[in-house]
Amino acid sequence: MGIHMVKFKLITALVLIVLVIIVVLQNTQPVETKFLFVTMTMPRAALLAITMLVGVAVGILVALGLSGKKFKKD
C-alpha cells in the first residue's frame, strides 16, 4: 500500500489542481449577482468557488448533524 498509495494521491491531487486552473482560466468574465438587496459584480470563477465552498460547508454540517444523533432502540 505504501509508496503506490502516495503516488496515487499525488497524481490525483495534481490532476484536480490542473482541472481547477482550467476552470478558473475559462471563467474570468465578470458576472452580476444579486443577493437580497445587494448587487455584486465578480468573476464567474469566484462565484463558482463561493458556491462550492458553501455547498461543502453545508454538507459537512449536515454530516456532523446526522452523525451526532443517536436513535433510541425499543
C-alpha atoms as a PDB file:
ATOM      1  CA  MET A   1       0.000   0.000   0.000  1.00  0.00           C
ATOM      2  CA  GLY A   2       2.740   2.474   0.977  1.00  0.00           C
ATOM      3  CA  ILE A   3       4.507   4.162  -1.932  1.00  0.00           C
ATOM      4  CA  HIS A   4       1.864   3.288  -4.531  1.00  0.00           C
ATOM      5  CA  MET A   5      -0.870   4.958  -2.496  1.00  0.00           C
ATOM      6  CA  VAL A   6       1.254   8.079  -2.030  1.00  0.00           C
ATOM      7  CA  LYS A   7       1.894   8.259  -5.775  1.00  0.00           C
ATOM      8  CA  PHE A   8      -1.804   7.757  -6.489  1.00  0.00           C
ATOM      9  CA  LYS A   9      -2.780  10.574  -4.111  1.00  0.00           C
ATOM     10  CA  LEU A  10      -0.131  12.883  -5.576  1.00  0.00           C
ATOM     11  CA  ILE A  11      -1.269  12.232  -9.158  1.00  0.00           C
ATOM     12  CA  THR A  12      -4.921  12.688  -8.170  1.00  0.00           C
ATOM     13  CA  ALA A  13      -4.123  15.994  -6.445  1.00  0.00           C
ATOM     14  CA  LEU A  14      -2.156  17.236  -9.466  1.00  0.00           C
ATOM     15  CA  VAL A  15      -4.991  16.327 -11.856  1.00  0.00           C
ATOM     16  CA  LEU A  16      -7.513  18.148  -9.649  1.00  0.00           C
ATOM     17  CA  ILE A  17      -5.265  21.226  -9.466  1.00  0.00           C
ATOM     18  CA  VAL A  18      -4.919  21.283 -13.262  1.00  0.00           C
ATOM     19  CA  LEU A  19      -8.706  20.976 -13.651  1.00  0.00           C
ATOM     20  CA  VAL A  20      -9.276  23.840 -11.222  1.00  0.00           C
ATOM     21  CA  ILE A  21      -6.780  26.024 -13.093  1.00  0.00           C
ATOM     22  CA  ILE A  22      -8.552  25.258 -16.386  1.00  0.00           C
ATOM     23  CA  VAL A  23     -11.950  26.185 -14.914  1.00  0.00           C
ATOM     24  CA  VAL A  24     -10.575  29.439 -13.478  1.00  0.00           C
ATOM     25  CA  LEU A  25      -8.906  30.437 -16.735  1.00  0.00           C
ATOM     26  CA  GLN A  26     -12.066  29.752 -18.739  1.00  0.00           C
ATOM     27  CA  ASN A  27     -14.343  31.661 -16.365  1.00  0.00           C
ATOM     28  CA  THR A  28     -12.780  35.082 -15.912  1.00  0.00           C
ATOM     29  CA  GLN A  29     -15.721  37.047 -17.325  1.00  0.00           C
ATOM     30  CA  PRO A  30     -17.457  39.292 -14.803  1.00  0.00           C
ATOM     31  CA  VAL A  31     -20.984  38.347 -13.795  1.00  0.00           C
ATOM     32  CA  GLU A  32     -23.550  40.371 -11.904  1.00  0.00           C
ATOM     33  CA  THR A  33     -25.019  38.562  -8.921  1.00  0.00           C
ATOM     34  CA  LYS A  34     -27.984  39.723  -6.867  1.00  0.00           C
ATOM     35  CA  PHE A  35     -28.341  38.538  -3.280  1.00  0.00           C
ATOM     36  CA  LEU A  36     -31.238  40.017  -1.320  1.00  0.00           C
ATOM     37  CA  PHE A  37     -30.757  43.779  -1.706  1.00  0.00           C
ATOM     38  CA  VAL A  38     -27.107  43.718  -2.787  1.00  0.00           C
ATOM     39  CA  THR A  39     -25.839  43.509  -6.364  1.00  0.00           C
ATOM     40  CA  MET A  40     -22.240  42.380  -6.778  1.00  0.00           C
ATOM     41  CA  THR A  41     -20.012  42.029  -9.818  1.00  0.00           C
ATOM     42  CA  MET A  42     -17.324  39.365  -9.635  1.00  0.00           C
ATOM     43  CA  PRO A  43     -15.508  36.946 -11.923  1.00  0.00           C
ATOM     44  CA  ARG A  44     -17.524  33.830 -12.710  1.00  0.00           C
ATOM     45  CA  ALA A  45     -14.748  31.663 -11.217  1.00  0.00           C
ATOM     46  CA  ALA A  46     -15.122  33.465  -7.879  1.00  0.00           C
ATOM     47  CA  LEU A  47     -18.864  32.845  -7.911  1.00  0.00           C
ATOM     48  CA  LEU A  48     -18.267  29.160  -8.665  1.00  0.00           C
ATOM     49  CA  ALA A  49     -15.729  28.929  -5.827  1.00  0.00           C
ATOM     50  CA  ILE A  50     -18.059  30.619  -3.332  1.00  0.00           C
ATOM     51  CA  THR A  51     -20.928  28.335  -4.345  1.00  0.00           C
ATOM     52  CA  MET A  52     -18.713  25.267  -3.984  1.00  0.00           C
ATOM     53  CA  LEU A  53     -17.442  26.342  -0.551  1.00  0.00           C
ATOM     54  CA  VAL A  54     -20.980  26.977   0.694  1.00  0.00           C
ATOM     55  CA  GLY A  55     -22.026  23.546  -0.585  1.00  0.00           C
ATOM     56  CA  VAL A  56     -19.101  21.835   1.105  1.00  0.00           C
ATOM     57  CA  ALA A  57     -19.816  23.656   4.384  1.00  0.00           C
ATOM     58  CA  VAL A  58     -23.498  22.678   4.286  1.00  0.00           C
ATOM     59  CA  GLY A  59     -22.547  19.076   3.502  1.00  0.00           C
ATOM     60  CA  ILE A  60     -20.147  18.928   6.430  1.00  0.00           C
ATOM     61  CA  LEU A  61     -22.702  20.454   8.802  1.00  0.00           C
ATOM     62  CA  VAL A  62     -25.386  18.018   7.685  1.00  0.00           C
ATOM     63  CA  ALA A  63     -22.999  15.074   8.015  1.00  0.00           C
ATOM     64  CA  LEU A  64     -21.966  16.168  11.506  1.00  0.00           C
ATOM     65  CA  GLY A  65     -25.582  16.722  12.490  1.00  0.00           C
ATOM     66  CA  LEU A  66     -26.636  13.289  11.296  1.00  0.00           C
ATOM     67  CA  SER A  67     -23.677  11.527  12.901  1.00  0.00           C
ATOM     68  CA  GLY A  68     -24.360  13.223  16.229  1.00  0.00           C
ATOM     69  CA  LYS A  69     -27.936  11.977  16.508  1.00  0.00           C
ATOM     70  CA  LYS A  70     -28.486   8.838  18.477  1.00  0.00           C
ATOM     71  CA  PHE A  71     -31.539   6.764  17.834  1.00  0.00           C
ATOM     72  CA  LYS A  72     -33.326   5.005  20.654  1.00  0.00           C
ATOM     73  CA  LYS A  73     -33.804   1.282  20.340  1.00  0.00           C
ATOM     74  CA  ASP A  74     -37.025  -0.078  21.732  1.00  0.00           C
END
